[in-house]
Amino acid sequence: MAYGQAMDREQLIQRLRARVRRGGPAEQVWWNGELVHVSEAIIRAAELGDDETIRARGDDVVVPRTLLDAE
């Protein structure tokens, strides 16, 4: 089953920057199950490869390859 909306790295960075502009509790997101500040998520997103599979929904970002690497 697919999780969230598929997007590329630049789309994810734009989405995260929009969260920073909103401020408040929106300044944190779940990145592969870890709660991180949006600035950290932007750094992580910038480090992703162009061909990376990225899924996002609400406050959640999932990068399946990094989940597999962590195991």
PDB file of N, CA and C in Angstrom:
ATOM      1  N   MET A   1       0.836  -1.165   0.000  1.00  0.00           N
ATOM      2  CA  MET A   1       0.000   0.000   0.000  1.00  0.00           C
ATOM      3  C   MET A   1       0.893   1.245   0.000  1.00  0.00           C
ATOM      4  N   ALA A   2       0.592   2.193  -0.850  1.00  0.00           N
ATOM      5  CA  ALA A   2       1.359   3.432  -0.934  1.00  0.00           C
ATOM      6  C   ALA A   2       0.996   4.332   0.237  1.00  0.00           C
ATOM      7  N   TYR A   3       1.971   5.080   0.698  1.00  0.00           N
ATOM      8  CA  TYR A   3       1.768   5.972   1.832  1.00  0.00           C
ATOM      9  C   TYR A   3       1.846   7.415   1.349  1.00  0.00           C
ATOM     10  N   GLY A   4       0.804   8.181   1.534  1.00  0.00           N
ATOM     11  CA  GLY A   4       0.825   9.600   1.226  1.00  0.00           C
ATOM     12  C   GLY A   4       1.033   9.916  -0.238  1.00  0.00           C
ATOM     13  N   GLN A   5       1.339  11.175  -0.478  1.00  0.00           N
ATOM     14  CA  GLN A   5       1.524  11.695  -1.827  1.00  0.00           C
ATOM     15  C   GLN A   5       2.980  11.552  -2.239  1.00  0.00           C
ATOM     16  N   ALA A   6       3.228  10.989  -3.424  1.00  0.00           N
ATOM     17  CA  ALA A   6       4.590  10.889  -3.941  1.00  0.00           C
ATOM     18  C   ALA A   6       5.031  12.266  -4.416  1.00  0.00           C
ATOM     19  N   MET A   7       6.280  12.612  -4.117  1.00  0.00           N
ATOM     20  CA  MET A   7       6.806  13.906  -4.556  1.00  0.00           C
ATOM     21  C   MET A   7       8.304  13.802  -4.742  1.00  0.00           C
ATOM     22  N   ASP A   8       8.857  14.788  -5.442  1.00  0.00           N
ATOM     23  CA  ASP A   8      10.304  14.798  -5.602  1.00  0.00           C
ATOM     24  C   ASP A   8      10.931  15.683  -4.521  1.00  0.00           C
ATOM     25  N   ARG A   9      12.240  15.724  -4.505  1.00  0.00           N
ATOM     26  CA  ARG A   9      12.971  16.439  -3.463  1.00  0.00           C
ATOM     27  C   ARG A   9      12.591  17.922  -3.407  1.00  0.00           C
ATOM     28  N   GLU A  10      12.525  18.584  -4.554  1.00  0.00           N
ATOM     29  CA  GLU A  10      12.215  20.017  -4.580  1.00  0.00           C
ATOM     30  C   GLU A  10      10.799  20.294  -4.081  1.00  0.00           C
ATOM     31  N   GLN A  11       9.853  19.435  -4.427  1.00  0.00           N
ATOM     32  CA  GLN A  11       8.487  19.600  -3.933  1.00  0.00           C
ATOM     33  C   GLN A  11       8.453  19.470  -2.407  1.00  0.00           C
ATOM     34  N   LEU A  12       9.212  18.514  -1.890  1.00  0.00           N
ATOM     35  CA  LEU A  12       9.256  18.327  -0.438  1.00  0.00           C
ATOM     36  C   LEU A  12       9.859  19.552   0.238  1.00  0.00           C
ATOM     37  N   ILE A  13      10.947  20.083  -0.297  1.00  0.00           N
ATOM     38  CA  ILE A  13      11.577  21.263   0.291  1.00  0.00           C
ATOM     39  C   ILE A  13      10.604  22.442   0.278  1.00  0.00           C
ATOM     40  N   GLN A  14       9.888  22.636  -0.818  1.00  0.00           N
ATOM     41  CA  GLN A  14       8.896  23.715  -0.887  1.00  0.00           C
ATOM     42  C   GLN A  14       7.810  23.529   0.167  1.00  0.00           C
ATOM     43  N   ARG A  15       7.363  22.305   0.326  1.00  0.00           N
ATOM     44  CA  ARG A  15       6.325  22.001   1.320  1.00  0.00           C
ATOM     45  C   ARG A  15       6.828  22.299   2.734  1.00  0.00           C
ATOM     46  N   LEU A  16       8.072  21.921   3.019  1.00  0.00           N
ATOM     47  CA  LEU A  16       8.641  22.164   4.341  1.00  0.00           C
ATOM     48  C   LEU A  16       8.843  23.654   4.591  1.00  0.00           C
ATOM     49  N   ARG A  17       9.299  24.394   3.597  1.00  0.00           N
ATOM     50  CA  ARG A  17       9.481  25.844   3.749  1.00  0.00           C
ATOM     51  C   ARG A  17       8.144  26.535   4.016  1.00  0.00           C
ATOM     52  N   ALA A  18       7.065  26.038   3.414  1.00  0.00           N
ATOM     53  CA  ALA A  18       5.734  26.593   3.665  1.00  0.00           C
ATOM     54  C   ALA A  18       5.345  26.383   5.130  1.00  0.00           C
ATOM     55  N   ARG A  19       5.746  25.267   5.709  1.00  0.00           N
ATOM     56  CA  ARG A  19       5.453  24.985   7.120  1.00  0.00           C
ATOM     57  C   ARG A  19       6.186  25.984   8.010  1.00  0.00           C
ATOM     58  N   VAL A  20       7.427  26.337   7.649  1.00  0.00           N
ATOM     59  CA  VAL A  20       8.198  27.307   8.433  1.00  0.00           C
ATOM     60  C   VAL A  20       7.484  28.659   8.419  1.00  0.00           C
ATOM     61  N   ARG A  21       6.984  29.047   7.260  1.00  0.00           N
ATOM     62  CA  ARG A  21       6.284  30.333   7.154  1.00  0.00           C
ATOM     63  C   ARG A  21       5.028  30.363   8.021  1.00  0.00           C
ATOM     64  N   ARG A  22       4.363  29.218   8.171  1.00  0.00           N
ATOM     65  CA  ARG A  22       3.159  29.157   9.006  1.00  0.00           C
ATOM     66  C   ARG A  22       3.498  29.257  10.483  1.00  0.00           C
ATOM     67  N   GLY A  23       4.652  28.703  10.872  1.00  0.00           N
ATOM     68  CA  GLY A  23       5.094  28.763  12.269  1.00  0.00           C
ATOM     69  C   GLY A  23       4.249  27.924  13.203  1.00  0.00           C
ATOM     70  N   GLY A  24       4.410  28.170  14.489  1.00  0.00           N
ATOM     71  CA  GLY A  24       3.656  27.450  15.514  1.00  0.00           C
ATOM     72  C   GLY A  24       4.002  25.972  15.550  1.00  0.00           C
ATOM     73  N   PRO A  25       3.018  25.133  15.916  1.00  0.00           N
ATOM     74  CA  PRO A  25       3.277  23.695  16.028  1.00  0.00           C
ATOM     75  C   PRO A  25       3.620  23.056  14.685  1.00  0.00           C
ATOM     76  N   ALA A  26       3.378  23.799  13.599  1.00  0.00           N
ATOM     77  CA  ALA A  26       3.697  23.270  12.272  1.00  0.00           C
ATOM     78  C   ALA A  26       5.198  23.248  12.027  1.00  0.00           C
ATOM     79  N   GLU A  27       6.007  23.714  12.989  1.00  0.00           N
ATOM     80  CA  GLU A  27       7.452  23.753  12.807  1.00  0.00           C
ATOM     81  C   GLU A  27       8.124  22.408  13.062  1.00  0.00           C
ATOM     82  N   GLN A  28       7.348  21.382  13.361  1.00  0.00           N
ATOM     83  CA  GLN A  28       7.907  20.048  13.532  1.00  0.00           C
ATOM     84  C   GLN A  28       7.180  19.078  12.619  1.00  0.00           C
ATOM     85  N   VAL A  29       7.935  18.092  12.126  1.00  0.00           N
ATOM     86  CA  VAL A  29       7.360  17.044  11.288  1.00  0.00           C
ATOM     87  C   VAL A  29       7.915  15.697  11.741  1.00  0.00           C
ATOM     88  N   TRP A  30       7.215  14.664  11.369  1.00  0.00           N
ATOM     89  CA  TRP A  30       7.694  13.301  11.603  1.00  0.00           C
ATOM     90  C   TRP A  30       8.461  12.873  10.365  1.00  0.00           C
ATOM     91  N   TRP A  31       9.730  12.530  10.532  1.00  0.00           N
ATOM     92  CA  TRP A  31      10.580  12.081   9.432  1.00  0.00           C
ATOM     93  C   TRP A  31      10.918  10.621   9.712  1.00  0.00           C
ATOM     94  N   ASN A  32      10.314   9.734   8.947  1.00  0.00           N
ATOM     95  CA  ASN A  32      10.506   8.293   9.162  1.00  0.00           C
ATOM     96  C   ASN A  32      10.298   7.905  10.626  1.00  0.00           C
ATOM     97  N   GLY A  33       9.273   8.495  11.245  1.00  0.00           N
ATOM     98  CA  GLY A  33       8.934   8.139  12.619  1.00  0.00           C
ATOM     99  C   GLY A  33       9.680   8.910  13.687  1.00  0.00           C
ATOM    100  N   GLU A  34      10.556   9.834  13.309  1.00  0.00           N
ATOM    101  CA  GLU A  34      11.315  10.644  14.256  1.00  0.00           C
ATOM    102  C   GLU A  34      10.812  12.090  14.173  1.00  0.00           C
ATOM    103  N   LEU A  35      10.452  12.672  15.316  1.00  0.00           N
ATOM    104  CA  LEU A  35       9.975  14.053  15.341  1.00  0.00           C
ATOM    105  C   LEU A  35      11.174  14.993  15.229  1.00  0.00           C
ATOM    106  N   VAL A  36      11.205  15.802  14.171  1.00  0.00           N
ATOM    107  CA  VAL A  36      12.327  16.723  13.943  1.00  0.00           C
ATOM    108  C   VAL A  36      11.799  18.113  13.623  1.00  0.00           C
ATOM    109  N   HIS A  37      12.619  19.123  13.885  1.00  0.00           N
ATOM    110  CA  HIS A  37      12.286  20.493  13.516  1.00  0.00           C
ATOM    111  C   HIS A  37      12.308  20.598  11.996  1.00  0.00           C
ATOM    112  N   VAL A  38      11.487  21.482  11.455  1.00  0.00           N
ATOM    113  CA  VAL A  38      11.396  21.622  10.003  1.00  0.00           C
ATOM    114  C   VAL A  38      12.749  21.977   9.392  1.00  0.00           C
ATOM    115  N   SER A  39      13.569  22.774  10.083  1.00  0.00           N
ATOM    116  CA  SER A  39      14.885  23.129   9.533  1.00  0.00           C
ATOM    117  C   SER A  39      15.750  21.881   9.346  1.00  0.00           C
ATOM    118  N   GLU A  40      15.677  20.939  10.276  1.00  0.00           N
ATOM    119  CA  GLU A  40      16.404  19.674  10.143  1.00  0.00           C
ATOM    120  C   GLU A  40      15.842  18.854   8.983  1.00  0.00           C
ATOM    121  N   ALA A  41      14.523  18.859   8.839  1.00  0.00           N
ATOM    122  CA  ALA A  41      13.896  18.123   7.737  1.00  0.00           C
ATOM    123  C   ALA A  41      14.309  18.710   6.384  1.00  0.00           C
ATOM    124  N   ILE A  42      14.452  20.033   6.305  1.00  0.00           N
ATOM    125  CA  ILE A  42      14.894  20.660   5.051  1.00  0.00           C
ATOM    126  C   ILE A  42      16.311  20.230   4.720  1.00  0.00           C
ATOM    127  N   ILE A  43      17.178  20.178   5.728  1.00  0.00           N
ATOM    128  CA  ILE A  43      18.561  19.721   5.513  1.00  0.00           C
ATOM    129  C   ILE A  43      18.559  18.279   5.025  1.00  0.00           C
ATOM    130  N   ARG A  44      17.774  17.429   5.668  1.00  0.00           N
ATOM    131  CA  ARG A  44      17.704  16.020   5.255  1.00  0.00           C
ATOM    132  C   ARG A  44      17.163  15.891   3.832  1.00  0.00           C
ATOM    133  N   ALA A  45      16.154  16.692   3.510  1.00  0.00           N
ATOM    134  CA  ALA A  45      15.574  16.649   2.160  1.00  0.00           C
ATOM    135  C   ALA A  45      16.604  17.065   1.119  1.00  0.00           C
ATOM    136  N   ALA A  46      17.393  18.082   1.429  1.00  0.00           N
ATOM    137  CA  ALA A  46      18.409  18.568   0.488  1.00  0.00           C
ATOM    138  C   ALA A  46      19.475  17.510   0.220  1.00  0.00           C
ATOM    139  N   GLU A  47      19.690  16.608   1.172  1.00  0.00           N
ATOM    140  CA  GLU A  47      20.695  15.558   1.027  1.00  0.00           C
ATOM    141  C   GLU A  47      20.187  14.345   0.248  1.00  0.00           C
ATOM    142  N   LEU A  48      18.900  14.293  -0.042  1.00  0.00           N
ATOM    143  CA  LEU A  48      18.336  13.165  -0.774  1.00  0.00           C
ATOM    144  C   LEU A  48      18.741  13.224  -2.246  1.00  0.00           C
ATOM    145  N   GLY A  49      18.814  12.068  -2.874  1.00  0.00           N
ATOM    146  CA  GLY A  49      19.120  12.000  -4.293  1.00  0.00           C
ATOM    147  C   GLY A  49      17.927  12.380  -5.146  1.00  0.00           C
ATOM    148  N   ASP A  50      18.206  12.748  -6.390  1.00  0.00           N
ATOM    149  CA  ASP A  50      17.143  13.142  -7.321  1.00  0.00           C
ATOM    150  C   ASP A  50      16.153  12.011  -7.591  1.00  0.00           C
ATOM    151  N   ASP A  51      16.609  10.768  -7.503  1.00  0.00           N
ATOM    152  CA  ASP A  51      15.765   9.622  -7.831  1.00  0.00           C
ATOM    153  C   ASP A  51      15.111   8.995  -6.598  1.00  0.00           C
ATOM    154  N   GLU A  52      15.195   9.691  -5.472  1.00  0.00           N
ATOM    155  CA  GLU A  52      14.675   9.174  -4.203  1.00  0.00           C
ATOM    156  C   GLU A  52      13.151   9.086  -4.217  1.00  0.00           C
ATOM    157  N   THR A  53      12.610   8.009  -3.650  1.00  0.00           N
ATOM    158  CA  THR A  53      11.174   7.895  -3.452  1.00  0.00           C
ATOM    159  C   THR A  53      10.830   8.610  -2.161  1.00  0.00           C
ATOM    160  N   ILE A  54       9.911   9.576  -2.258  1.00  0.00           N
ATOM    161  CA  ILE A  54       9.512  10.359  -1.088  1.00  0.00           C
ATOM    162  C   ILE A  54       7.990  10.324  -1.003  1.00  0.00           C
ATOM    163  N   ARG A  55       7.477  10.068   0.185  1.00  0.00           N
ATOM    164  CA  ARG A  55       6.034  10.075   0.434  1.00  0.00           C
ATOM    165  C   ARG A  55       5.766  11.040   1.577  1.00  0.00           C
ATOM    166  N   ALA A  56       4.726  11.838   1.450  1.00  0.00           N
ATOM    167  CA  ALA A  56       4.379  12.771   2.517  1.00  0.00           C
ATOM    168  C   ALA A  56       2.871  12.866   2.644  1.00  0.00           C
ATOM    169  N   ARG A  57       2.450  12.995   3.903  1.00  0.00           N
ATOM    170  CA  ARG A  57       1.015  13.161   4.201  1.00  0.00           C
ATOM    171  C   ARG A  57       0.925  13.891   5.531  1.00  0.00           C
ATOM    172  N   GLY A  58       0.258  15.027   5.529  1.00  0.00           N
ATOM    173  CA  GLY A  58       0.125  15.795   6.763  1.00  0.00           C
ATOM    174  C   GLY A  58       1.484  16.166   7.332  1.00  0.00           C
ATOM    175  N   ASP A  59       1.735  15.766   8.571  1.00  0.00           N
ATOM    176  CA  ASP A  59       3.003  16.057   9.245  1.00  0.00           C
ATOM    177  C   ASP A  59       4.042  14.961   9.046  1.00  0.00           C
ATOM    178  N   ASP A  60       3.737  13.962   8.240  1.00  0.00           N
ATOM    179  CA  ASP A  60       4.623  12.808   8.083  1.00  0.00           C
ATOM    180  C   ASP A  60       5.365  12.824   6.759  1.00  0.00           C
ATOM    181  N   VAL A  61       6.670  12.530   6.837  1.00  0.00           N
ATOM    182  CA  VAL A  61       7.503  12.346   5.653  1.00  0.00           C
ATOM    183  C   VAL A  61       8.122  10.958   5.772  1.00  0.00           C
ATOM    184  N   VAL A  62       8.017  10.180   4.712  1.00  0.00           N
ATOM    185  CA  VAL A  62       8.601   8.844   4.699  1.00  0.00           C
ATOM    186  C   VAL A  62       9.500   8.717   3.481  1.00  0.00           C
ATOM    187  N   VAL A  63      10.748   8.316   3.740  1.00  0.00           N
ATOM    188  CA  VAL A  63      11.706   8.036   2.677  1.00  0.00           C
ATOM    189  C   VAL A  63      12.057   6.558   2.826  1.00  0.00           C
ATOM    190  N   PRO A  64      11.390   5.681   2.050  1.00  0.00           N
ATOM    191  CA  PRO A  64      11.533   4.242   2.257  1.00  0.00           C
ATOM    192  C   PRO A  64      12.977   3.728   2.266  1.00  0.00           C
ATOM    193  N   ARG A  65      13.841   4.248   1.406  1.00  0.00           N
ATOM    194  CA  ARG A  65      15.226   3.757   1.367  1.00  0.00           C
ATOM    195  C   ARG A  65      15.921   3.979   2.703  1.00  0.00           C
ATOM    196  N   THR A  66      15.705   5.139   3.314  1.00  0.00           N
ATOM    197  CA  THR A  66      16.369   5.415   4.588  1.00  0.00           C
ATOM    198  C   THR A  66      15.798   4.565   5.710  1.00  0.00           C
ATOM    199  N   LEU A  67      14.543   4.161   5.585  1.00  0.00           N
ATOM    200  CA  LEU A  67      13.988   3.222   6.561  1.00  0.00           C
ATOM    201  C   LEU A  67      14.692   1.883   6.464  1.00  0.00           C
ATOM    202  N   LEU A  68      14.937   1.433   5.230  1.00  0.00           N
ATOM    203  CA  LEU A  68      15.622   0.162   5.027  1.00  0.00           C
ATOM    204  C   LEU A  68      17.071   0.227   5.505  1.00  0.00           C
ATOM    205  N   ASP A  69      17.742   1.376   5.275  1.00  0.00           N
ATOM    206  CA  ASP A  69      19.130   1.540   5.698  1.00  0.00           C
ATOM    207  C   ASP A  69      19.253   1.505   7.214  1.00  0.00           C
ATOM    208  N   ALA A  70      18.233   1.969   7.927  1.00  0.00           N
ATOM    209  CA  ALA A  70      18.279   2.047   9.378  1.00  0.00           C
ATOM    210  C   ALA A  70      18.140   0.689  10.050  1.00  0.00           C
ATOM    211  N   GLU A  71      17.615  -0.293   9.325  1.00  0.00           N
ATOM    212  CA  GLU A  71      17.368  -1.620   9.933  1.00  0.00           C
ATOM    213  C   GLU A  71      18.623  -2.434  10.050  1.00  0.00           C
TER     214      GLU A  71
END
